[in-house]
Amino acid sequence: MGGDLYSAPPGKKDDYVRKHFAGILTGFDKEIFEKKYNTILPCYEVTYPHDIKEEMISENLRQNGVIHVQINNSADVTTLEMLDILSKFKDENIKISTILSYITVGQKDYRLAIIKKGYEIFGEKFNPLIEFMPKEEYVNHLASVDIYISNQNRQQGNGNSTFIYSLGGKIFLKNSNSVYKKYNSIGIKIFDTNEIKDMDFNDFCYFDEKEKQKSISILKKRMEDETKIKQWSDFFRL
């Protein structure tokens, strides 16, 4: 679920319909739905297939020695906060990317403010992506990311984070995020954005290899087409 849940416009008719759904299909947002509409409905964990896959990667784009960080998956006001937090690493061998090709639903346009702050802090190490990319190009961009930070206040960009994670990247989410709670509860280690301000650069980059590989194994199992097929088959047999 995305803007259709978090930013859905209120209205008596719409809210009545939502409260009387036969059930909801979601991998993460059951509690959010129940709290927002004050109702409990049957919940089915059914997720859509991943349309970006490893075979789309043309080459290994990770640069030796350069830590490539991506902040958020859209032009979100919380990108400004994270740029400030990461400013302590501006002298490290780092590259900071952020997606500015579209705006988070319901927000003002913060793109110019993000570009201004990004260049002021990081100079040529800042990489704002202001235009939509063809899928293959975007897949290769994601494959080059070492650390993905979703500082946004709700679940979004999960396709970005899971793909980067499946390739060995480190993922930070807010601890209030439903994906953070779900993944950590099933053994997939997600790091907390709130802890970055207290980290040095080594802590920020470090991810225990044993813990990483265990998490990737669980995540890839969830991402497999076979898992998706089973989820939907079980649902349609209800």
C-alpha atoms as a PDB file:
ATOM      1  CA  MET A   1       0.000   0.000   0.000  1.00  0.00           C
ATOM      2  CA  GLY A   2       1.121   3.550  -0.696  1.00  0.00           C
ATOM      3  CA  GLY A   3      -0.672   6.811  -1.298  1.00  0.00           C
ATOM      4  CA  ASP A   4      -3.965   4.912  -1.570  1.00  0.00           C
ATOM      5  CA  LEU A   5      -3.652   4.231   2.163  1.00  0.00           C
ATOM      6  CA  TYR A   6      -1.399   6.898   3.671  1.00  0.00           C
ATOM      7  CA  SER A   7      -2.684   9.830   1.615  1.00  0.00           C
ATOM      8  CA  ALA A   8      -6.207   8.677   0.764  1.00  0.00           C
ATOM      9  CA  PRO A   9      -8.607  11.642   0.882  1.00  0.00           C
ATOM     10  CA  PRO A  10     -11.194  11.399   3.691  1.00  0.00           C
ATOM     11  CA  GLY A  11     -14.893  11.246   2.924  1.00  0.00           C
ATOM     12  CA  LYS A  12     -17.933   9.527   4.407  1.00  0.00           C
ATOM     13  CA  LYS A  13     -18.613   7.347   1.368  1.00  0.00           C
ATOM     14  CA  ASP A  14     -14.988   6.406   0.775  1.00  0.00           C
ATOM     15  CA  ASP A  15     -14.332   5.691   4.453  1.00  0.00           C
ATOM     16  CA  TYR A  16     -17.503   3.589   4.667  1.00  0.00           C
ATOM     17  CA  VAL A  17     -16.389   1.484   1.708  1.00  0.00           C
ATOM     18  CA  ARG A  18     -12.890   1.032   3.114  1.00  0.00           C
ATOM     19  CA  LYS A  19     -14.229  -0.077   6.492  1.00  0.00           C
ATOM     20  CA  HIS A  20     -16.389  -2.680   4.767  1.00  0.00           C
ATOM     21  CA  PHE A  21     -13.817  -4.281   2.482  1.00  0.00           C
ATOM     22  CA  ALA A  22     -14.002  -8.072   2.488  1.00  0.00           C
ATOM     23  CA  GLY A  23     -10.319  -8.032   3.438  1.00  0.00           C
ATOM     24  CA  ILE A  24      -6.998  -6.369   2.701  1.00  0.00           C
ATOM     25  CA  LEU A  25      -3.981  -7.630   0.784  1.00  0.00           C
ATOM     26  CA  THR A  26      -0.700  -6.365   2.165  1.00  0.00           C
ATOM     27  CA  GLY A  27       2.681  -7.578   3.259  1.00  0.00           C
ATOM     28  CA  PHE A  28       3.293  -4.787   5.754  1.00  0.00           C
ATOM     29  CA  ASP A  29       0.516  -2.274   6.460  1.00  0.00           C
ATOM     30  CA  LYS A  30      -2.191  -4.199   8.320  1.00  0.00           C
ATOM     31  CA  GLU A  31      -1.757  -2.243  11.567  1.00  0.00           C
ATOM     32  CA  ILE A  32      -1.687   1.089   9.709  1.00  0.00           C
ATOM     33  CA  PHE A  33      -4.980   0.288   7.977  1.00  0.00           C
ATOM     34  CA  GLU A  34      -6.662  -0.830  11.202  1.00  0.00           C
ATOM     35  CA  LYS A  35      -5.555   2.278  13.080  1.00  0.00           C
ATOM     36  CA  LYS A  36      -6.545   4.710  10.335  1.00  0.00           C
ATOM     37  CA  TYR A  37     -10.023   3.268   9.743  1.00  0.00           C
ATOM     38  CA  ASN A  38     -10.645   1.886  13.250  1.00  0.00           C
ATOM     39  CA  THR A  39     -11.600  -1.501  11.915  1.00  0.00           C
ATOM     40  CA  ILE A  40     -10.221  -5.037  11.813  1.00  0.00           C
ATOM     41  CA  LEU A  41     -10.547  -6.979   8.564  1.00  0.00           C
ATOM     42  CA  PRO A  42      -9.176 -10.294   7.327  1.00  0.00           C
ATOM     43  CA  CYS A  43      -5.618  -9.708   6.097  1.00  0.00           C
ATOM     44  CA  TYR A  44      -3.916 -11.754   3.385  1.00  0.00           C
ATOM     45  CA  GLU A  45      -0.163 -11.544   2.933  1.00  0.00           C
ATOM     46  CA  VAL A  46      -0.031 -11.325  -0.833  1.00  0.00           C
ATOM     47  CA  THR A  47       2.653  -9.251  -2.551  1.00  0.00           C
ATOM     48  CA  TYR A  48       3.245  -8.339  -6.176  1.00  0.00           C
ATOM     49  CA  PRO A  49       6.128  -9.871  -8.155  1.00  0.00           C
ATOM     50  CA  HIS A  50       9.426  -8.016  -8.350  1.00  0.00           C
ATOM     51  CA  ASP A  51       9.883  -6.631 -11.861  1.00  0.00           C
ATOM     52  CA  ILE A  52      13.580  -5.844 -11.391  1.00  0.00           C
ATOM     53  CA  LYS A  53      15.894  -8.824 -11.353  1.00  0.00           C
ATOM     54  CA  GLU A  54      19.616  -9.532 -11.148  1.00  0.00           C
ATOM     55  CA  GLU A  55      19.808 -10.670 -14.767  1.00  0.00           C
ATOM     56  CA  MET A  56      19.030  -7.074 -15.813  1.00  0.00           C
ATOM     57  CA  ILE A  57      22.377  -5.902 -14.394  1.00  0.00           C
ATOM     58  CA  SER A  58      24.831  -5.284 -17.218  1.00  0.00           C
ATOM     59  CA  GLU A  59      27.951  -5.132 -15.042  1.00  0.00           C
ATOM     60  CA  ASN A  60      29.227  -4.711 -11.498  1.00  0.00           C
ATOM     61  CA  LEU A  61      28.977  -0.956 -11.013  1.00  0.00           C
ATOM     62  CA  ARG A  62      30.079  -0.726  -7.393  1.00  0.00           C
ATOM     63  CA  GLN A  63      33.245   1.343  -7.203  1.00  0.00           C
ATOM     64  CA  ASN A  64      36.056   0.015  -5.062  1.00  0.00           C
ATOM     65  CA  GLY A  65      36.627   2.312  -2.109  1.00  0.00           C
ATOM     66  CA  VAL A  66      33.673   4.604  -2.889  1.00  0.00           C
ATOM     67  CA  ILE A  67      30.614   4.174  -0.657  1.00  0.00           C
ATOM     68  CA  HIS A  68      27.530   4.942  -2.741  1.00  0.00           C
ATOM     69  CA  VAL A  69      24.581   6.041  -0.599  1.00  0.00           C
ATOM     70  CA  GLN A  70      21.036   6.585  -1.853  1.00  0.00           C
ATOM     71  CA  ILE A  71      18.586   8.666   0.193  1.00  0.00           C
ATOM     72  CA  ASN A  72      14.871   7.943  -0.335  1.00  0.00           C
ATOM     73  CA  ASN A  73      13.099   6.962  -3.537  1.00  0.00           C
ATOM     74  CA  SER A  74      11.412  10.301  -4.259  1.00  0.00           C
ATOM     75  CA  ALA A  75      11.715  14.039  -3.621  1.00  0.00           C
ATOM     76  CA  ASP A  76      10.731  13.914   0.031  1.00  0.00           C
ATOM     77  CA  VAL A  77      11.192  16.626   2.669  1.00  0.00           C
ATOM     78  CA  THR A  78      12.954  14.078   4.909  1.00  0.00           C
ATOM     79  CA  THR A  79      15.839  14.018   2.399  1.00  0.00           C
ATOM     80  CA  LEU A  80      16.846  17.451   3.715  1.00  0.00           C
ATOM     81  CA  GLU A  81      17.134  16.104   7.257  1.00  0.00           C
ATOM     82  CA  MET A  82      19.234  13.136   6.132  1.00  0.00           C
ATOM     83  CA  LEU A  83      21.604  15.338   4.127  1.00  0.00           C
ATOM     84  CA  ASP A  84      22.303  17.253   7.337  1.00  0.00           C
ATOM     85  CA  ILE A  85      22.855  14.037   9.298  1.00  0.00           C
ATOM     86  CA  LEU A  86      25.248  12.665   6.665  1.00  0.00           C
ATOM     87  CA  SER A  87      27.164  15.948   6.409  1.00  0.00           C
ATOM     88  CA  LYS A  88      29.664  14.619   8.980  1.00  0.00           C
ATOM     89  CA  PHE A  89      30.812  12.157   6.291  1.00  0.00           C
ATOM     90  CA  LYS A  90      31.357  14.785   3.585  1.00  0.00           C
ATOM     91  CA  ASP A  91      35.139  14.310   3.625  1.00  0.00           C
ATOM     92  CA  GLU A  92      34.893  10.525   3.278  1.00  0.00           C
ATOM     93  CA  ASN A  93      35.156   8.668  -0.030  1.00  0.00           C
ATOM     94  CA  ILE A  94      31.417   8.800  -0.584  1.00  0.00           C
ATOM     95  CA  LYS A  95      28.797   9.442  -3.260  1.00  0.00           C
ATOM     96  CA  ILE A  96      25.286  10.632  -2.308  1.00  0.00           C
ATOM     97  CA  SER A  97      22.421   9.962  -4.711  1.00  0.00           C
ATOM     98  CA  THR A  98      18.786  10.893  -4.274  1.00  0.00           C
ATOM     99  CA  ILE A  99      15.761  10.446  -6.538  1.00  0.00           C
ATOM    100  CA  LEU A 100      14.112  13.730  -7.518  1.00  0.00           C
ATOM    101  CA  SER A 101      12.171  12.637 -10.579  1.00  0.00           C
ATOM    102  CA  TYR A 102       8.870  12.657  -8.715  1.00  0.00           C
ATOM    103  CA  ILE A 103       7.353  14.052  -5.527  1.00  0.00           C
ATOM    104  CA  THR A 104       5.954  12.119  -2.579  1.00  0.00           C
ATOM    105  CA  VAL A 105       2.139  12.280  -2.674  1.00  0.00           C
ATOM    106  CA  GLY A 106       0.730  15.171  -0.674  1.00  0.00           C
ATOM    107  CA  GLN A 107       4.018  17.048  -0.288  1.00  0.00           C
ATOM    108  CA  LYS A 108       5.252  20.370  -1.579  1.00  0.00           C
ATOM    109  CA  ASP A 109       8.018  20.412  -4.154  1.00  0.00           C
ATOM    110  CA  TYR A 110      11.301  20.308  -2.213  1.00  0.00           C
ATOM    111  CA  ARG A 111      13.496  19.430  -5.181  1.00  0.00           C
ATOM    112  CA  LEU A 112      15.286  22.768  -5.490  1.00  0.00           C
ATOM    113  CA  ALA A 113      15.932  22.881  -1.742  1.00  0.00           C
ATOM    114  CA  ILE A 114      17.334  19.332  -1.840  1.00  0.00           C
ATOM    115  CA  ILE A 115      19.608  20.112  -4.806  1.00  0.00           C
ATOM    116  CA  LYS A 116      20.855  23.318  -3.172  1.00  0.00           C
ATOM    117  CA  LYS A 117      21.635  21.650   0.159  1.00  0.00           C
ATOM    118  CA  GLY A 118      23.143  18.547  -1.444  1.00  0.00           C
ATOM    119  CA  TYR A 119      25.661  20.518  -3.483  1.00  0.00           C
ATOM    120  CA  GLU A 120      26.430  22.903  -0.599  1.00  0.00           C
ATOM    121  CA  ILE A 121      27.373  19.984   1.656  1.00  0.00           C
ATOM    122  CA  PHE A 122      28.824  17.376  -0.701  1.00  0.00           C
ATOM    123  CA  GLY A 123      29.808  19.290  -3.841  1.00  0.00           C
ATOM    124  CA  GLU A 124      30.628  16.944  -6.723  1.00  0.00           C
ATOM    125  CA  LYS A 125      29.957  13.938  -4.485  1.00  0.00           C
ATOM    126  CA  PHE A 126      26.239  14.763  -4.698  1.00  0.00           C
ATOM    127  CA  ASN A 127      24.267  12.999  -7.445  1.00  0.00           C
ATOM    128  CA  PRO A 128      20.640  14.205  -7.798  1.00  0.00           C
ATOM    129  CA  LEU A 129      18.638  12.079 -10.248  1.00  0.00           C
ATOM    130  CA  ILE A 130      16.112  14.503 -11.694  1.00  0.00           C
ATOM    131  CA  GLU A 131      14.764  12.580 -14.693  1.00  0.00           C
ATOM    132  CA  PHE A 132      13.052   9.222 -15.012  1.00  0.00           C
ATOM    133  CA  MET A 133      15.386   6.480 -16.219  1.00  0.00           C
ATOM    134  CA  PRO A 134      14.616   3.513 -18.457  1.00  0.00           C
ATOM    135  CA  LYS A 135      14.156   0.415 -16.318  1.00  0.00           C
ATOM    136  CA  GLU A 136      17.461  -1.192 -17.320  1.00  0.00           C
ATOM    137  CA  GLU A 137      19.388   1.987 -16.500  1.00  0.00           C
ATOM    138  CA  TYR A 138      17.668   2.337 -13.134  1.00  0.00           C
ATOM    139  CA  VAL A 139      18.358  -1.311 -12.263  1.00  0.00           C
ATOM    140  CA  ASN A 140      22.065  -0.725 -12.883  1.00  0.00           C
ATOM    141  CA  HIS A 141      21.933   2.425 -10.770  1.00  0.00           C
ATOM    142  CA  LEU A 142      20.417   0.465  -7.868  1.00  0.00           C
ATOM    143  CA  ALA A 143      23.055  -2.245  -8.313  1.00  0.00           C
ATOM    144  CA  SER A 144      25.735   0.378  -7.678  1.00  0.00           C
ATOM    145  CA  VAL A 145      24.282   1.432  -4.298  1.00  0.00           C
ATOM    146  CA  ASP A 146      26.088   0.241  -1.158  1.00  0.00           C
ATOM    147  CA  ILE A 147      23.784   1.814   1.427  1.00  0.00           C
ATOM    148  CA  TYR A 148      20.102   2.681   0.973  1.00  0.00           C
ATOM    149  CA  ILE A 149      18.441   5.032   3.460  1.00  0.00           C
ATOM    150  CA  SER A 150      14.685   5.471   3.504  1.00  0.00           C
ATOM    151  CA  ASN A 151      14.178   8.376   5.877  1.00  0.00           C
ATOM    152  CA  GLN A 152      10.548   8.702   4.846  1.00  0.00           C
ATOM    153  CA  ASN A 153       7.789   8.519   7.426  1.00  0.00           C
ATOM    154  CA  ARG A 154       5.918   5.664   5.820  1.00  0.00           C
ATOM    155  CA  GLN A 155       6.496   2.475   3.890  1.00  0.00           C
ATOM    156  CA  GLN A 156       7.554   3.262   0.343  1.00  0.00           C
ATOM    157  CA  GLY A 157      10.304   2.360  -2.070  1.00  0.00           C
ATOM    158  CA  ASN A 158      10.410  -1.207  -0.794  1.00  0.00           C
ATOM    159  CA  GLY A 159      11.235  -2.507  -4.272  1.00  0.00           C
ATOM    160  CA  ASN A 160      14.350  -0.324  -4.255  1.00  0.00           C
ATOM    161  CA  SER A 161      15.496  -1.465  -0.831  1.00  0.00           C
ATOM    162  CA  THR A 162      14.863  -5.192  -1.298  1.00  0.00           C
ATOM    163  CA  PHE A 163      16.735  -5.272  -4.615  1.00  0.00           C
ATOM    164  CA  ILE A 164      19.719  -3.398  -3.186  1.00  0.00           C
ATOM    165  CA  TYR A 165      19.660  -5.661  -0.125  1.00  0.00           C
ATOM    166  CA  SER A 166      19.544  -8.817  -2.260  1.00  0.00           C
ATOM    167  CA  LEU A 167      22.830  -7.679  -3.838  1.00  0.00           C
ATOM    168  CA  GLY A 168      24.504  -7.187  -0.463  1.00  0.00           C
ATOM    169  CA  GLY A 169      23.663  -3.555   0.284  1.00  0.00           C
ATOM    170  CA  LYS A 170      22.929  -2.196   3.751  1.00  0.00           C
ATOM    171  CA  ILE A 171      19.440  -0.816   4.441  1.00  0.00           C
ATOM    172  CA  PHE A 172      18.356   1.856   6.919  1.00  0.00           C
ATOM    173  CA  LEU A 173      14.667   2.539   7.647  1.00  0.00           C
ATOM    174  CA  LYS A 174      12.909   4.451  10.398  1.00  0.00           C
ATOM    175  CA  ASN A 175      12.020   2.112  13.253  1.00  0.00           C
ATOM    176  CA  SER A 176       8.387   3.241  12.976  1.00  0.00           C
ATOM    177  CA  ASN A 177       8.279   1.956   9.388  1.00  0.00           C
ATOM    178  CA  SER A 178       6.106  -1.144   8.924  1.00  0.00           C
ATOM    179  CA  VAL A 179       8.787  -2.749   6.711  1.00  0.00           C
ATOM    180  CA  TYR A 180      11.411  -2.251   9.436  1.00  0.00           C
ATOM    181  CA  LYS A 181       9.162  -3.997  11.965  1.00  0.00           C
ATOM    182  CA  LYS A 182       8.150  -6.849   9.667  1.00  0.00           C
ATOM    183  CA  TYR A 183      11.602  -7.679   8.316  1.00  0.00           C
ATOM    184  CA  ASN A 184      13.368  -7.574  11.672  1.00  0.00           C
ATOM    185  CA  SER A 185      10.653  -9.811  13.135  1.00  0.00           C
ATOM    186  CA  ILE A 186      11.420 -12.540  10.558  1.00  0.00           C
ATOM    187  CA  GLY A 187      15.184 -12.343  10.799  1.00  0.00           C
ATOM    188  CA  ILE A 188      16.021  -9.826   8.058  1.00  0.00           C
ATOM    189  CA  LYS A 189      18.326  -7.262   9.647  1.00  0.00           C
ATOM    190  CA  ILE A 190      17.263  -3.681   8.893  1.00  0.00           C
ATOM    191  CA  PHE A 191      19.143  -0.793  10.490  1.00  0.00           C
ATOM    192  CA  ASP A 192      17.512   2.218  12.146  1.00  0.00           C
ATOM    193  CA  THR A 193      17.911   5.658  10.537  1.00  0.00           C
ATOM    194  CA  ASN A 194      17.678   7.237  13.994  1.00  0.00           C
ATOM    195  CA  GLU A 195      21.024   5.668  14.924  1.00  0.00           C
ATOM    196  CA  ILE A 196      23.017   7.206  12.042  1.00  0.00           C
ATOM    197  CA  LYS A 197      23.567  10.482  13.899  1.00  0.00           C
ATOM    198  CA  ASP A 198      25.548   8.598  16.568  1.00  0.00           C
ATOM    199  CA  MET A 199      27.616   6.459  14.160  1.00  0.00           C
ATOM    200  CA  ASP A 200      31.117   7.025  12.906  1.00  0.00           C
ATOM    201  CA  PHE A 201      31.823   6.192   9.258  1.00  0.00           C
ATOM    202  CA  ASN A 202      33.033   2.667   9.979  1.00  0.00           C
ATOM    203  CA  ASP A 203      29.873   1.841  11.942  1.00  0.00           C
ATOM    204  CA  PHE A 204      27.747   3.409   9.222  1.00  0.00           C
ATOM    205  CA  CYS A 205      29.276   1.161   6.545  1.00  0.00           C
ATOM    206  CA  TYR A 206      29.779  -2.044   8.566  1.00  0.00           C
ATOM    207  CA  PHE A 207      27.474  -5.034   8.196  1.00  0.00           C
ATOM    208  CA  ASP A 208      28.483  -8.331   9.770  1.00  0.00           C
ATOM    209  CA  GLU A 209      28.950 -10.738   6.869  1.00  0.00           C
ATOM    210  CA  LYS A 210      27.341 -13.726   8.597  1.00  0.00           C
ATOM    211  CA  GLU A 211      24.291 -11.699   9.594  1.00  0.00           C
ATOM    212  CA  LYS A 212      24.097 -10.189   6.104  1.00  0.00           C
ATOM    213  CA  GLN A 213      24.137 -13.531   4.302  1.00  0.00           C
ATOM    214  CA  LYS A 214      21.523 -14.991   6.651  1.00  0.00           C
ATOM    215  CA  SER A 215      19.263 -11.984   6.003  1.00  0.00           C
ATOM    216  CA  ILE A 216      19.789 -12.114   2.231  1.00  0.00           C
ATOM    217  CA  SER A 217      18.834 -15.792   2.187  1.00  0.00           C
ATOM    218  CA  ILE A 218      15.524 -15.072   3.943  1.00  0.00           C
ATOM    219  CA  LEU A 219      14.846 -12.046   1.751  1.00  0.00           C
ATOM    220  CA  LYS A 220      15.549 -13.836  -1.537  1.00  0.00           C
ATOM    221  CA  LYS A 221      13.169 -16.615  -0.533  1.00  0.00           C
ATOM    222  CA  ARG A 222      10.429 -13.990  -0.084  1.00  0.00           C
ATOM    223  CA  MET A 223      11.293 -12.435  -3.450  1.00  0.00           C
ATOM    224  CA  GLU A 224      11.192 -15.668  -5.480  1.00  0.00           C
ATOM    225  CA  ASP A 225       8.518 -16.089  -8.146  1.00  0.00           C
ATOM    226  CA  GLU A 226       7.625 -19.422  -6.546  1.00  0.00           C
ATOM    227  CA  THR A 227       6.798 -17.643  -3.285  1.00  0.00           C
ATOM    228  CA  LYS A 228       4.607 -15.108  -5.089  1.00  0.00           C
ATOM    229  CA  ILE A 229       2.819 -17.848  -7.023  1.00  0.00           C
ATOM    230  CA  LYS A 230       2.071 -19.723  -3.799  1.00  0.00           C
ATOM    231  CA  GLN A 231       0.783 -16.562  -2.104  1.00  0.00           C
ATOM    232  CA  TRP A 232      -1.638 -15.801  -4.929  1.00  0.00           C
ATOM    233  CA  SER A 233      -2.648 -19.440  -5.431  1.00  0.00           C
ATOM    234  CA  ASP A 234      -3.486 -19.805  -1.743  1.00  0.00           C
ATOM    235  CA  PHE A 235      -5.431 -16.542  -1.868  1.00  0.00           C
ATOM    236  CA  PHE A 236      -7.555 -17.511  -4.894  1.00  0.00           C
ATOM    237  CA  ARG A 237      -8.327 -20.890  -3.308  1.00  0.00           C
ATOM    238  CA  LEU A 238      -9.952 -19.203  -0.289  1.00  0.00           C
END
